N, C-alpha and C. Protein backbone atom coordinates (compact mmCIF):
# COMPACT_ATOMS: atom_id res chain seq x y z
N MET A 1 102.35 -36.46 -68.44
CA MET A 1 103.53 -35.84 -67.61
C MET A 1 104.35 -34.86 -68.53
N LYS A 2 104.92 -33.94 -68.03
CA LYS A 2 105.67 -32.75 -68.70
C LYS A 2 107.10 -33.03 -68.92
N SER A 3 107.46 -32.95 -69.81
CA SER A 3 108.78 -33.02 -70.62
C SER A 3 109.98 -32.08 -69.57
N VAL A 4 111.24 -32.24 -69.29
CA VAL A 4 112.06 -31.47 -68.47
C VAL A 4 112.19 -30.05 -69.28
N TYR A 5 112.03 -30.33 -70.73
CA TYR A 5 112.14 -28.93 -71.58
C TYR A 5 110.92 -28.07 -71.71
N ASP A 6 109.90 -28.80 -70.96
CA ASP A 6 108.70 -28.00 -70.91
C ASP A 6 108.45 -27.22 -69.63
N VAL A 7 109.67 -27.86 -68.79
CA VAL A 7 109.39 -27.09 -67.49
C VAL A 7 110.52 -25.66 -67.75
N VAL A 8 111.47 -26.05 -67.85
CA VAL A 8 112.79 -25.10 -68.33
C VAL A 8 112.50 -24.42 -69.40
N LYS A 9 111.90 -23.26 -69.92
CA LYS A 9 111.56 -22.58 -71.09
C LYS A 9 112.95 -22.11 -71.93
N ARG A 10 113.74 -21.11 -70.97
CA ARG A 10 114.87 -20.38 -71.61
C ARG A 10 115.68 -19.81 -70.59
N PRO A 11 116.95 -19.60 -70.73
CA PRO A 11 117.68 -19.12 -69.89
C PRO A 11 117.55 -17.29 -70.06
N ILE A 12 117.70 -16.58 -68.82
CA ILE A 12 117.53 -15.29 -68.93
C ILE A 12 119.03 -14.87 -68.72
N ILE A 13 119.38 -14.04 -69.62
CA ILE A 13 120.69 -13.51 -69.75
C ILE A 13 120.67 -11.89 -69.86
N THR A 14 120.78 -11.36 -68.69
CA THR A 14 120.88 -9.83 -68.32
C THR A 14 122.24 -9.49 -67.36
N GLU A 15 122.36 -8.32 -67.31
CA GLU A 15 123.45 -7.93 -66.75
C GLU A 15 123.53 -8.39 -65.03
N GLN A 16 122.56 -8.14 -64.48
CA GLN A 16 122.17 -8.83 -63.12
C GLN A 16 122.37 -10.27 -63.18
N SER A 17 121.89 -10.89 -64.05
CA SER A 17 122.00 -12.29 -64.19
C SER A 17 123.39 -12.88 -64.29
N MET A 18 124.20 -12.09 -65.08
CA MET A 18 125.34 -12.61 -65.32
C MET A 18 126.55 -12.37 -64.21
N ASP A 19 125.97 -11.03 -63.48
CA ASP A 19 126.68 -10.90 -62.25
C ASP A 19 126.74 -12.06 -61.17
N GLN A 20 125.57 -12.76 -61.19
CA GLN A 20 125.35 -13.74 -60.27
C GLN A 20 125.91 -15.13 -60.74
N VAL A 21 126.61 -15.36 -61.94
CA VAL A 21 127.02 -16.46 -62.36
C VAL A 21 128.27 -16.79 -61.42
N ALA A 22 129.21 -15.81 -61.07
CA ALA A 22 130.10 -15.97 -60.11
C ALA A 22 129.73 -16.77 -58.90
N ASP A 23 128.61 -16.32 -58.39
CA ASP A 23 128.18 -17.22 -57.16
C ASP A 23 127.32 -18.28 -57.24
N LYS A 24 127.70 -18.97 -58.51
CA LYS A 24 126.65 -20.15 -59.22
C LYS A 24 125.37 -20.05 -58.94
N LYS A 25 124.78 -18.68 -59.27
CA LYS A 25 123.21 -18.63 -59.50
C LYS A 25 123.09 -18.33 -60.99
N TYR A 26 122.07 -19.08 -61.35
CA TYR A 26 121.81 -19.09 -62.90
C TYR A 26 120.05 -18.79 -62.91
N THR A 27 119.89 -17.95 -63.91
CA THR A 27 118.19 -17.34 -64.09
C THR A 27 117.92 -17.97 -65.18
N PHE A 28 116.43 -18.66 -65.07
CA PHE A 28 115.73 -19.29 -65.97
C PHE A 28 114.10 -18.98 -65.97
N GLU A 29 113.52 -18.90 -67.29
CA GLU A 29 112.36 -18.60 -67.68
C GLU A 29 111.60 -20.04 -67.33
N VAL A 30 110.85 -20.22 -66.40
CA VAL A 30 110.10 -21.77 -66.29
C VAL A 30 108.60 -21.39 -66.66
N ALA A 31 107.97 -22.49 -66.62
CA ALA A 31 106.53 -22.75 -66.76
C ALA A 31 105.88 -22.33 -65.57
N THR A 32 104.69 -21.78 -65.95
CA THR A 32 104.10 -20.79 -64.77
C THR A 32 103.62 -21.86 -63.66
N ASP A 33 103.06 -23.16 -64.09
CA ASP A 33 102.55 -24.08 -63.14
C ASP A 33 103.72 -24.80 -62.57
N ALA A 34 104.99 -24.82 -62.85
CA ALA A 34 105.91 -25.70 -62.18
C ALA A 34 106.45 -25.26 -60.84
N ASN A 35 106.61 -26.21 -59.99
CA ASN A 35 107.16 -25.85 -58.63
C ASN A 35 108.33 -26.00 -58.30
N LYS A 36 109.05 -25.55 -57.29
CA LYS A 36 110.52 -25.64 -57.38
C LYS A 36 111.10 -27.30 -57.15
N ILE A 37 110.17 -27.96 -56.76
CA ILE A 37 111.07 -29.38 -57.09
C ILE A 37 111.08 -29.86 -58.40
N GLU A 38 109.96 -29.70 -59.13
CA GLU A 38 110.06 -29.74 -60.74
C GLU A 38 111.36 -29.12 -61.38
N ILE A 39 111.33 -28.04 -61.22
CA ILE A 39 112.25 -27.12 -61.39
C ILE A 39 113.90 -27.46 -61.44
N LYS A 40 114.45 -28.04 -59.82
CA LYS A 40 115.23 -28.57 -59.34
C LYS A 40 115.51 -29.82 -60.24
N LYS A 41 114.46 -30.70 -60.56
CA LYS A 41 114.48 -32.02 -61.29
C LYS A 41 114.93 -31.66 -62.89
N ALA A 42 114.76 -30.94 -63.57
CA ALA A 42 114.64 -30.33 -64.71
C ALA A 42 116.07 -30.01 -65.03
N VAL A 43 116.64 -28.99 -64.10
CA VAL A 43 117.89 -28.52 -64.34
C VAL A 43 118.89 -29.36 -64.05
N GLU A 44 118.72 -30.37 -63.29
CA GLU A 44 119.89 -31.25 -62.72
C GLU A 44 119.78 -32.01 -64.06
N GLU A 45 118.74 -32.41 -64.77
CA GLU A 45 118.74 -33.57 -65.84
C GLU A 45 119.08 -32.77 -67.02
N ILE A 46 119.00 -31.79 -67.22
CA ILE A 46 119.16 -30.93 -68.80
C ILE A 46 120.82 -30.66 -68.46
N PHE A 47 121.29 -30.22 -67.51
CA PHE A 47 122.43 -29.49 -67.28
C PHE A 47 123.61 -30.49 -66.78
N LYS A 48 123.07 -31.60 -66.11
CA LYS A 48 124.01 -32.69 -65.43
C LYS A 48 124.70 -31.95 -64.14
N VAL A 49 124.05 -31.09 -63.41
CA VAL A 49 124.47 -30.40 -62.12
C VAL A 49 123.97 -30.79 -61.17
N LYS A 50 124.33 -30.24 -59.84
CA LYS A 50 123.69 -30.63 -58.64
C LYS A 50 123.15 -29.23 -58.11
N VAL A 51 121.87 -29.09 -57.76
CA VAL A 51 121.32 -27.81 -57.33
C VAL A 51 121.03 -28.06 -55.99
N ALA A 52 121.56 -26.57 -55.29
CA ALA A 52 121.13 -26.65 -53.93
C ALA A 52 120.02 -25.75 -53.47
N LYS A 53 119.82 -24.94 -54.04
CA LYS A 53 118.45 -24.19 -53.78
C LYS A 53 117.63 -23.43 -55.29
N VAL A 54 116.42 -23.31 -54.96
CA VAL A 54 115.74 -22.82 -56.25
C VAL A 54 114.74 -21.85 -55.39
N THR A 55 114.94 -20.69 -56.21
CA THR A 55 113.84 -19.32 -55.63
C THR A 55 112.81 -18.94 -57.03
N THR A 56 112.01 -18.75 -56.68
CA THR A 56 111.18 -18.53 -57.86
C THR A 56 110.26 -16.80 -57.75
N ILE A 57 110.06 -16.55 -58.75
CA ILE A 57 109.44 -15.10 -58.70
C ILE A 57 108.08 -15.30 -60.05
N ASN A 58 106.92 -14.87 -59.67
CA ASN A 58 105.94 -14.78 -60.38
C ASN A 58 105.73 -13.42 -61.34
N TYR A 59 105.54 -13.25 -62.19
CA TYR A 59 105.12 -11.89 -63.01
C TYR A 59 104.05 -11.83 -63.53
N SER A 60 103.46 -10.72 -63.46
CA SER A 60 102.00 -10.69 -63.97
C SER A 60 102.02 -9.70 -65.37
N GLY A 61 101.65 -9.90 -66.55
CA GLY A 61 101.73 -9.11 -67.72
C GLY A 61 101.24 -7.94 -67.24
N LYS A 62 102.09 -6.95 -68.21
CA LYS A 62 101.57 -5.35 -67.96
C LYS A 62 100.40 -5.26 -69.09
N PRO A 63 99.54 -4.22 -68.64
CA PRO A 63 98.34 -3.98 -69.66
C PRO A 63 99.02 -3.12 -70.85
N LYS A 64 98.97 -3.25 -72.11
CA LYS A 64 99.36 -2.52 -73.10
C LYS A 64 98.07 -2.32 -73.98
N ARG A 65 98.62 -1.11 -74.66
CA ARG A 65 97.38 -0.67 -75.83
C ARG A 65 98.13 -0.10 -77.21
N MET A 66 97.31 -0.52 -77.84
CA MET A 66 97.79 -0.17 -79.43
C MET A 66 96.55 0.52 -80.09
N GLY A 67 96.46 2.02 -79.97
CA GLY A 67 95.57 2.75 -80.38
C GLY A 67 94.21 2.38 -79.76
N VAL A 68 93.27 1.86 -80.35
CA VAL A 68 91.93 1.59 -79.44
C VAL A 68 91.97 0.01 -78.77
N HIS A 69 92.82 -0.76 -79.46
CA HIS A 69 92.84 -1.92 -78.97
C HIS A 69 93.75 -2.07 -77.80
N SER A 70 93.13 -2.86 -76.63
CA SER A 70 93.93 -2.96 -75.41
C SER A 70 93.98 -4.29 -75.15
N GLY A 71 95.37 -4.64 -74.41
CA GLY A 71 95.62 -6.19 -74.10
C GLY A 71 96.27 -6.38 -73.03
N LYS A 72 97.03 -7.40 -72.73
CA LYS A 72 97.97 -7.50 -71.78
C LYS A 72 99.09 -8.35 -72.21
N ARG A 73 100.25 -8.04 -71.67
CA ARG A 73 101.22 -9.04 -71.79
C ARG A 73 101.39 -10.44 -71.11
N ALA A 74 101.63 -11.65 -71.05
CA ALA A 74 101.57 -12.79 -70.74
C ALA A 74 102.30 -12.72 -69.38
N ASP A 75 101.72 -13.52 -68.52
CA ASP A 75 102.45 -13.94 -67.25
C ASP A 75 103.64 -14.78 -67.23
N TRP A 76 104.33 -14.53 -66.48
CA TRP A 76 105.59 -15.49 -66.52
C TRP A 76 106.21 -15.69 -65.20
N LYS A 77 107.10 -16.87 -65.12
CA LYS A 77 107.46 -17.00 -64.02
C LYS A 77 109.25 -17.27 -64.18
N LYS A 78 110.03 -16.75 -63.10
CA LYS A 78 111.37 -16.47 -63.17
C LYS A 78 111.86 -17.76 -61.81
N ALA A 79 113.00 -18.61 -62.20
CA ALA A 79 113.70 -19.18 -60.93
C ALA A 79 114.90 -18.95 -61.26
N VAL A 80 115.57 -18.77 -60.02
CA VAL A 80 117.19 -18.62 -59.91
C VAL A 80 117.61 -19.68 -59.20
N VAL A 81 118.47 -20.54 -59.85
CA VAL A 81 118.92 -21.79 -59.26
C VAL A 81 120.24 -21.70 -58.62
N LYS A 82 120.40 -21.86 -57.61
CA LYS A 82 121.75 -21.90 -56.87
C LYS A 82 122.45 -23.28 -56.81
N LEU A 83 123.60 -23.71 -57.52
CA LEU A 83 124.21 -24.96 -57.43
C LEU A 83 125.04 -25.14 -56.11
N THR A 84 125.29 -26.25 -56.01
CA THR A 84 126.19 -26.75 -54.82
C THR A 84 127.64 -26.01 -55.25
N PRO A 85 128.41 -25.96 -54.10
CA PRO A 85 129.82 -25.63 -54.57
C PRO A 85 130.84 -26.52 -55.24
N ASP A 86 130.44 -27.90 -54.92
CA ASP A 86 131.24 -28.98 -56.03
C ASP A 86 130.77 -29.20 -57.18
N SER A 87 129.59 -28.59 -57.64
CA SER A 87 129.10 -28.85 -58.71
C SER A 87 129.77 -28.03 -59.91
N LYS A 88 129.69 -28.49 -61.24
CA LYS A 88 130.05 -27.71 -62.31
C LYS A 88 129.40 -27.00 -62.67
N THR A 89 129.90 -26.18 -63.46
CA THR A 89 129.24 -24.80 -64.07
C THR A 89 128.50 -25.20 -65.24
N ILE A 90 127.47 -24.45 -65.77
CA ILE A 90 126.76 -24.50 -66.96
C ILE A 90 127.19 -23.55 -67.95
N GLU A 91 127.99 -24.14 -69.27
CA GLU A 91 128.20 -23.62 -69.91
C GLU A 91 127.65 -22.64 -70.74
N LEU A 92 126.32 -22.83 -70.73
CA LEU A 92 125.64 -21.91 -71.57
C LEU A 92 125.93 -20.65 -71.13
N PHE A 93 126.09 -20.22 -69.94
CA PHE A 93 126.41 -19.06 -69.24
C PHE A 93 127.75 -18.31 -69.48
N GLU A 94 128.68 -19.32 -69.75
CA GLU A 94 130.16 -19.04 -69.86
C GLU A 94 130.39 -17.91 -70.86
N SER A 95 130.02 -18.02 -71.88
CA SER A 95 130.35 -17.27 -73.48
C SER A 95 129.67 -16.10 -73.52
């Protein structure tokens, strides 16, 4: 069984994600095999908040070259978590 810290890898802090904090929407990089139910339970357990909705986006890695060697960036998954109106905020995104 996966730990909740294996499901939620890191927060994504960009201009767009910080604009969504006012609407109680928070963005995280999550495990590629995690589903919405696992993400909801993990965020609720880690941050002690109530989650209303989870949306996920799968990104495929870009092909990259370094001289004659070619490769690919890793595939990853992003989750946008919307909290309930009566839930407290996540302090990680406040500063």
